[in-house]
Amino acid sequence: MTRLVIRIGQEVARLGRLVIFFGGYFAYALVVASLWVAWDVLTPKQRLKAGIVALPIRSRTPKEITMIANLISLTPGTLTVTINTEPNVLYVHGMYAENAADFRKELETFERQMLWALRIHDRPALTEGTS
């Protein structure tokens, strides 16, 4: 009975993190990306510097891999091109990927935030370099 109560508590906490924290984070990213794309469409000067990056991912389960791939594709200006499962690598097209290292770092942060909200155990730190 105690294990069941602990498990239910963990699930409630995970759902809270997922809905409140990551939902807010993703909504913010969605609005900012939408504004960038809209601004680029509405103004005469194009800021487009498209590129494709290989993103090694820390997601392990099919659910995590599918979720990160779909969330990236839902964000305006980005698209998951393909997924390799051995090793786990996403190939992501970005409309504003002039600097591949910076674009990859943004995507890694996005994945870290998602995994922190999704996992009960073995959650990554929210900021790089902390535990």
N, C-alpha and C. Protein backbone atom coordinates (compact mmCIF):
# COMPACT_ATOMS: atom_id res chain seq x y z
N MET A 1 0.82 -1.20 0.00
CA MET A 1 0.00 0.00 0.00
C MET A 1 0.86 1.26 0.00
N THR A 2 1.95 1.24 0.80
CA THR A 2 2.83 2.40 0.88
C THR A 2 3.49 2.67 -0.47
N ARG A 3 3.91 1.59 -1.15
CA ARG A 3 4.53 1.75 -2.47
C ARG A 3 3.55 2.37 -3.45
N LEU A 4 2.31 1.97 -3.37
CA LEU A 4 1.29 2.51 -4.26
C LEU A 4 1.09 4.00 -4.02
N VAL A 5 1.05 4.39 -2.76
CA VAL A 5 0.88 5.81 -2.42
C VAL A 5 2.09 6.61 -2.90
N ILE A 6 3.29 6.07 -2.71
CA ILE A 6 4.50 6.75 -3.18
C ILE A 6 4.48 6.89 -4.70
N ARG A 7 4.11 5.82 -5.38
CA ARG A 7 4.06 5.84 -6.85
C ARG A 7 3.03 6.85 -7.35
N ILE A 8 1.87 6.90 -6.71
CA ILE A 8 0.85 7.87 -7.10
C ILE A 8 1.36 9.29 -6.88
N GLY A 9 2.04 9.51 -5.76
CA GLY A 9 2.62 10.83 -5.48
C GLY A 9 3.66 11.22 -6.53
N GLN A 10 4.49 10.26 -6.94
CA GLN A 10 5.49 10.53 -7.98
C GLN A 10 4.83 10.89 -9.30
N GLU A 11 3.78 10.16 -9.64
CA GLU A 11 3.08 10.44 -10.90
C GLU A 11 2.40 11.81 -10.88
N VAL A 12 1.80 12.16 -9.74
CA VAL A 12 1.18 13.48 -9.63
C VAL A 12 2.23 14.58 -9.76
N ALA A 13 3.37 14.39 -9.11
CA ALA A 13 4.46 15.37 -9.20
C ALA A 13 4.96 15.47 -10.64
N ARG A 14 5.10 14.33 -11.32
CA ARG A 14 5.57 14.33 -12.70
C ARG A 14 4.59 15.05 -13.61
N LEU A 15 3.32 14.77 -13.44
CA LEU A 15 2.30 15.44 -14.25
C LEU A 15 2.27 16.94 -13.98
N GLY A 16 2.47 17.32 -12.73
CA GLY A 16 2.53 18.74 -12.40
C GLY A 16 3.70 19.42 -13.09
N ARG A 17 4.88 18.77 -13.04
CA ARG A 17 6.05 19.33 -13.73
C ARG A 17 5.80 19.42 -15.23
N LEU A 18 5.19 18.37 -15.77
CA LEU A 18 4.95 18.32 -17.20
C LEU A 18 4.00 19.41 -17.65
N VAL A 19 2.90 19.56 -16.95
CA VAL A 19 1.88 20.52 -17.36
C VAL A 19 2.30 21.96 -17.03
N ILE A 20 2.68 22.20 -15.78
CA ILE A 20 2.96 23.57 -15.36
C ILE A 20 4.30 24.05 -15.88
N PHE A 21 5.37 23.33 -15.55
CA PHE A 21 6.70 23.81 -15.91
C PHE A 21 6.98 23.68 -17.41
N PHE A 22 6.91 22.46 -17.91
CA PHE A 22 7.26 22.29 -19.32
C PHE A 22 6.21 22.88 -20.24
N GLY A 23 4.96 22.82 -19.84
CA GLY A 23 3.90 23.45 -20.64
C GLY A 23 4.15 24.93 -20.82
N GLY A 24 4.53 25.60 -19.73
CA GLY A 24 4.86 27.02 -19.80
C GLY A 24 6.10 27.28 -20.63
N TYR A 25 7.12 26.45 -20.44
CA TYR A 25 8.37 26.59 -21.20
C TYR A 25 8.10 26.42 -22.70
N PHE A 26 7.32 25.38 -23.05
CA PHE A 26 7.04 25.13 -24.45
C PHE A 26 6.16 26.23 -25.04
N ALA A 27 5.18 26.71 -24.28
CA ALA A 27 4.32 27.80 -24.77
C ALA A 27 5.15 29.04 -25.06
N TYR A 28 6.09 29.35 -24.17
CA TYR A 28 6.98 30.50 -24.39
C TYR A 28 7.81 30.30 -25.66
N ALA A 29 8.41 29.12 -25.82
CA ALA A 29 9.22 28.83 -27.01
C ALA A 29 8.38 28.90 -28.27
N LEU A 30 7.15 28.43 -28.19
CA LEU A 30 6.24 28.46 -29.34
C LEU A 30 5.91 29.89 -29.75
N VAL A 31 5.62 30.75 -28.78
CA VAL A 31 5.29 32.15 -29.07
C VAL A 31 6.50 32.87 -29.66
N VAL A 32 7.67 32.69 -29.05
CA VAL A 32 8.88 33.37 -29.55
C VAL A 32 9.20 32.91 -30.97
N ALA A 33 9.14 31.61 -31.23
CA ALA A 33 9.43 31.09 -32.57
C ALA A 33 8.40 31.59 -33.58
N SER A 34 7.15 31.64 -33.18
CA SER A 34 6.10 32.15 -34.08
C SER A 34 6.34 33.61 -34.44
N LEU A 35 6.75 34.39 -33.45
CA LEU A 35 7.03 35.81 -33.70
C LEU A 35 8.22 35.98 -34.64
N TRP A 36 9.27 35.16 -34.46
CA TRP A 36 10.42 35.23 -35.36
C TRP A 36 10.02 34.93 -36.80
N VAL A 37 9.27 33.86 -36.98
CA VAL A 37 8.85 33.47 -38.33
C VAL A 37 7.91 34.53 -38.93
N ALA A 38 6.96 35.01 -38.14
CA ALA A 38 6.04 36.04 -38.63
C ALA A 38 6.80 37.31 -39.01
N TRP A 39 7.75 37.71 -38.19
CA TRP A 39 8.55 38.91 -38.48
C TRP A 39 9.32 38.72 -39.78
N ASP A 40 9.88 37.54 -39.97
CA ASP A 40 10.65 37.27 -41.18
C ASP A 40 9.76 37.28 -42.42
N VAL A 41 8.54 36.82 -42.29
CA VAL A 41 7.61 36.80 -43.42
C VAL A 41 7.11 38.21 -43.75
N LEU A 42 6.86 39.02 -42.74
CA LEU A 42 6.25 40.33 -42.93
C LEU A 42 7.24 41.45 -43.29
N THR A 43 8.52 41.25 -43.02
CA THR A 43 9.50 42.30 -43.33
C THR A 43 10.23 41.95 -44.62
N PRO A 44 10.71 42.98 -45.32
CA PRO A 44 11.36 42.72 -46.61
C PRO A 44 12.72 42.01 -46.48
N LYS A 45 13.45 42.26 -45.39
CA LYS A 45 14.76 41.64 -45.24
C LYS A 45 14.60 40.24 -44.64
N GLN A 46 15.13 39.25 -45.32
CA GLN A 46 15.07 37.88 -44.84
C GLN A 46 16.26 37.60 -43.92
N ARG A 47 15.99 37.02 -42.77
CA ARG A 47 17.04 36.66 -41.82
C ARG A 47 17.29 35.15 -41.82
N LEU A 48 16.76 34.50 -42.82
CA LEU A 48 16.84 33.06 -42.93
C LEU A 48 18.26 32.58 -43.15
N LYS A 49 18.71 31.68 -42.32
CA LYS A 49 20.00 31.00 -42.47
C LYS A 49 19.76 29.54 -42.14
N ALA A 50 19.12 28.83 -43.04
CA ALA A 50 18.68 27.45 -42.77
C ALA A 50 19.85 26.49 -42.69
N GLY A 51 19.64 25.46 -41.92
CA GLY A 51 20.66 24.42 -41.79
C GLY A 51 20.07 23.19 -41.14
N ILE A 52 20.80 22.09 -41.24
CA ILE A 52 20.42 20.83 -40.61
C ILE A 52 21.53 20.43 -39.66
N VAL A 53 21.16 20.07 -38.44
CA VAL A 53 22.14 19.62 -37.45
C VAL A 53 21.81 18.21 -37.01
N ALA A 54 22.86 17.47 -36.65
CA ALA A 54 22.69 16.16 -36.02
C ALA A 54 22.68 16.41 -34.52
N LEU A 55 21.62 15.97 -33.86
CA LEU A 55 21.46 16.19 -32.43
C LEU A 55 21.49 14.86 -31.70
N PRO A 56 22.63 14.55 -31.03
CA PRO A 56 22.64 13.35 -30.20
C PRO A 56 21.69 13.58 -29.02
N ILE A 57 20.75 12.67 -28.82
CA ILE A 57 19.74 12.90 -27.79
C ILE A 57 19.95 11.97 -26.60
N ARG A 58 19.50 12.43 -25.44
CA ARG A 58 19.59 11.65 -24.20
C ARG A 58 18.31 10.88 -23.95
N SER A 59 17.31 11.08 -24.76
CA SER A 59 16.06 10.34 -24.64
C SER A 59 16.33 8.87 -24.92
N ARG A 60 15.73 8.01 -24.07
CA ARG A 60 16.01 6.58 -24.20
C ARG A 60 14.81 5.78 -24.67
N THR A 61 13.64 6.12 -24.19
CA THR A 61 12.46 5.31 -24.51
C THR A 61 11.80 5.82 -25.79
N PRO A 62 11.03 4.96 -26.45
CA PRO A 62 10.30 5.41 -27.63
C PRO A 62 9.39 6.61 -27.34
N LYS A 63 8.78 6.63 -26.14
CA LYS A 63 7.90 7.74 -25.76
C LYS A 63 8.69 9.05 -25.70
N GLU A 64 9.87 9.03 -25.09
CA GLU A 64 10.70 10.24 -24.99
C GLU A 64 11.18 10.69 -26.36
N ILE A 65 11.63 9.75 -27.18
CA ILE A 65 12.14 10.09 -28.51
C ILE A 65 11.02 10.68 -29.37
N THR A 66 9.85 10.05 -29.33
CA THR A 66 8.71 10.56 -30.10
C THR A 66 8.30 11.94 -29.63
N MET A 67 8.30 12.14 -28.31
CA MET A 67 7.87 13.43 -27.77
C MET A 67 8.82 14.54 -28.18
N ILE A 68 10.13 14.33 -28.06
CA ILE A 68 11.07 15.39 -28.43
C ILE A 68 11.02 15.66 -29.93
N ALA A 69 10.91 14.61 -30.74
CA ALA A 69 10.83 14.80 -32.19
C ALA A 69 9.59 15.60 -32.57
N ASN A 70 8.45 15.27 -31.97
CA ASN A 70 7.21 15.98 -32.29
C ASN A 70 7.21 17.40 -31.75
N LEU A 71 7.74 17.62 -30.56
CA LEU A 71 7.79 18.98 -30.02
C LEU A 71 8.69 19.88 -30.86
N ILE A 72 9.79 19.33 -31.35
CA ILE A 72 10.67 20.11 -32.24
C ILE A 72 9.92 20.46 -33.52
N SER A 73 9.20 19.49 -34.09
CA SER A 73 8.47 19.74 -35.33
C SER A 73 7.29 20.69 -35.14
N LEU A 74 6.71 20.72 -33.95
CA LEU A 74 5.61 21.63 -33.68
C LEU A 74 6.06 23.09 -33.56
N THR A 75 7.31 23.29 -33.22
CA THR A 75 7.84 24.64 -33.04
C THR A 75 8.09 25.27 -34.41
N PRO A 76 7.50 26.43 -34.69
CA PRO A 76 7.72 27.08 -35.99
C PRO A 76 9.20 27.33 -36.26
N GLY A 77 9.61 27.02 -37.46
CA GLY A 77 11.00 27.25 -37.86
C GLY A 77 11.89 26.04 -37.68
N THR A 78 11.38 24.97 -37.08
CA THR A 78 12.17 23.75 -36.90
C THR A 78 11.37 22.55 -37.38
N LEU A 79 12.10 21.52 -37.79
CA LEU A 79 11.47 20.31 -38.29
C LEU A 79 12.41 19.14 -38.05
N THR A 80 11.90 18.08 -37.46
CA THR A 80 12.68 16.85 -37.32
C THR A 80 12.67 16.15 -38.67
N VAL A 81 13.86 15.98 -39.23
CA VAL A 81 13.97 15.39 -40.57
C VAL A 81 13.95 13.87 -40.48
N THR A 82 14.77 13.31 -39.59
CA THR A 82 14.82 11.86 -39.42
C THR A 82 15.34 11.53 -38.03
N ILE A 83 15.10 10.29 -37.63
CA ILE A 83 15.54 9.79 -36.33
C ILE A 83 16.36 8.53 -36.55
N ASN A 84 17.56 8.50 -36.01
CA ASN A 84 18.37 7.29 -35.98
C ASN A 84 18.31 6.76 -34.56
N THR A 85 18.03 5.48 -34.40
CA THR A 85 17.91 4.94 -33.05
C THR A 85 19.18 4.28 -32.53
N GLU A 86 20.14 4.03 -33.39
CA GLU A 86 21.39 3.45 -32.91
C GLU A 86 22.54 4.14 -33.61
N PRO A 87 23.18 5.11 -33.02
CA PRO A 87 22.88 5.75 -31.74
C PRO A 87 21.68 6.69 -31.88
N ASN A 88 21.15 7.13 -30.74
CA ASN A 88 19.99 8.01 -30.75
C ASN A 88 20.40 9.40 -31.24
N VAL A 89 20.05 9.69 -32.49
CA VAL A 89 20.39 10.98 -33.10
C VAL A 89 19.17 11.48 -33.87
N LEU A 90 18.82 12.73 -33.64
CA LEU A 90 17.79 13.39 -34.45
C LEU A 90 18.50 14.30 -35.44
N TYR A 91 18.00 14.35 -36.64
CA TYR A 91 18.47 15.34 -37.61
C TYR A 91 17.37 16.39 -37.70
N VAL A 92 17.74 17.63 -37.37
CA VAL A 92 16.76 18.71 -37.24
C VAL A 92 17.10 19.83 -38.21
N HIS A 93 16.09 20.25 -38.98
CA HIS A 93 16.23 21.40 -39.87
C HIS A 93 15.76 22.64 -39.12
N GLY A 94 16.55 23.69 -39.19
CA GLY A 94 16.17 24.94 -38.56
C GLY A 94 16.25 26.08 -39.54
N MET A 95 15.25 26.95 -39.53
CA MET A 95 15.26 28.12 -40.42
C MET A 95 16.31 29.14 -39.99
N TYR A 96 16.63 29.17 -38.70
CA TYR A 96 17.58 30.14 -38.17
C TYR A 96 18.73 29.40 -37.51
N ALA A 97 19.42 28.59 -38.27
CA ALA A 97 20.51 27.75 -37.77
C ALA A 97 21.84 28.17 -38.37
N GLU A 98 22.10 29.45 -38.38
CA GLU A 98 23.35 29.96 -38.96
C GLU A 98 24.56 29.35 -38.26
N ASN A 99 24.52 29.32 -36.93
CA ASN A 99 25.59 28.73 -36.14
C ASN A 99 25.09 27.38 -35.63
N ALA A 100 25.63 26.30 -36.18
CA ALA A 100 25.16 24.95 -35.85
C ALA A 100 25.35 24.64 -34.36
N ALA A 101 26.44 25.07 -33.78
CA ALA A 101 26.70 24.78 -32.36
C ALA A 101 25.66 25.46 -31.46
N ASP A 102 25.31 26.72 -31.75
CA ASP A 102 24.30 27.43 -30.96
C ASP A 102 22.92 26.79 -31.12
N PHE A 103 22.59 26.41 -32.35
CA PHE A 103 21.30 25.78 -32.62
C PHE A 103 21.20 24.44 -31.88
N ARG A 104 22.29 23.66 -31.93
CA ARG A 104 22.32 22.37 -31.24
C ARG A 104 22.17 22.57 -29.73
N LYS A 105 22.82 23.61 -29.19
CA LYS A 105 22.72 23.88 -27.75
C LYS A 105 21.29 24.24 -27.34
N GLU A 106 20.60 25.03 -28.18
CA GLU A 106 19.18 25.35 -27.90
C GLU A 106 18.33 24.09 -27.88
N LEU A 107 18.58 23.20 -28.83
CA LEU A 107 17.81 21.95 -28.89
C LEU A 107 18.13 21.04 -27.71
N GLU A 108 19.39 21.01 -27.28
CA GLU A 108 19.77 20.21 -26.12
C GLU A 108 19.09 20.74 -24.85
N THR A 109 19.01 22.06 -24.72
CA THR A 109 18.32 22.66 -23.58
C THR A 109 16.85 22.29 -23.61
N PHE A 110 16.25 22.34 -24.79
CA PHE A 110 14.85 21.97 -24.97
C PHE A 110 14.61 20.53 -24.52
N GLU A 111 15.50 19.62 -24.95
CA GLU A 111 15.35 18.22 -24.56
C GLU A 111 15.56 18.04 -23.06
N ARG A 112 16.55 18.71 -22.49
CA ARG A 112 16.81 18.61 -21.05
C ARG A 112 15.58 19.04 -20.24
N GLN A 113 14.94 20.14 -20.67
CA GLN A 113 13.74 20.61 -19.99
C GLN A 113 12.62 19.57 -20.08
N MET A 114 12.46 18.97 -21.26
CA MET A 114 11.43 17.96 -21.45
C MET A 114 11.68 16.74 -20.58
N LEU A 115 12.93 16.26 -20.55
CA LEU A 115 13.25 15.07 -19.76
C LEU A 115 13.10 15.35 -18.28
N TRP A 116 13.44 16.54 -17.83
CA TRP A 116 13.28 16.88 -16.42
C TRP A 116 11.81 16.81 -16.02
N ALA A 117 10.94 17.28 -16.91
CA ALA A 117 9.50 17.26 -16.61
C ALA A 117 8.90 15.87 -16.75
N LEU A 118 9.44 15.05 -17.64
CA LEU A 118 8.83 13.77 -17.98
C LEU A 118 9.25 12.62 -17.07
N ARG A 119 10.51 12.60 -16.68
CA ARG A 119 11.02 11.46 -15.92
C ARG A 119 10.75 11.57 -14.42
N ILE A 120 10.56 10.40 -13.81
CA ILE A 120 10.44 10.33 -12.36
C ILE A 120 11.83 10.10 -11.76
N HIS A 121 12.57 9.17 -12.31
CA HIS A 121 13.93 8.85 -11.85
C HIS A 121 14.92 9.25 -12.93
N ASP A 122 16.15 9.47 -12.54
CA ASP A 122 17.24 9.76 -13.48
C ASP A 122 16.93 11.01 -14.31
N ARG A 123 16.44 12.05 -13.62
CA ARG A 123 16.15 13.30 -14.31
C ARG A 123 17.44 14.08 -14.50
N PRO A 124 17.62 14.71 -15.67
CA PRO A 124 18.80 15.55 -15.86
C PRO A 124 18.64 16.86 -15.08
N ALA A 125 19.75 17.50 -14.80
CA ALA A 125 19.71 18.81 -14.15
C ALA A 125 19.10 19.81 -15.13
N LEU A 126 18.42 20.81 -14.60
CA LEU A 126 17.81 21.83 -15.46
C LEU A 126 18.85 22.68 -16.15
N THR A 127 19.94 22.96 -15.46
CA THR A 127 21.00 23.76 -16.07
C THR A 127 22.22 22.87 -16.26
N GLU A 128 22.93 23.12 -17.33
CA GLU A 128 24.08 22.32 -17.66
C GLU A 128 25.16 22.47 -16.59
N GLY A 129 25.78 21.37 -16.21
CA GLY A 129 26.88 21.42 -15.26
C GLY A 129 26.46 21.27 -13.80
N THR A 130 25.15 21.16 -13.51
CA THR A 130 24.71 20.93 -12.14
C THR A 130 24.01 19.60 -12.06
N SER A 131 23.82 19.10 -10.86
CA SER A 131 23.14 17.81 -10.73
C SER A 131 21.87 17.92 -9.95
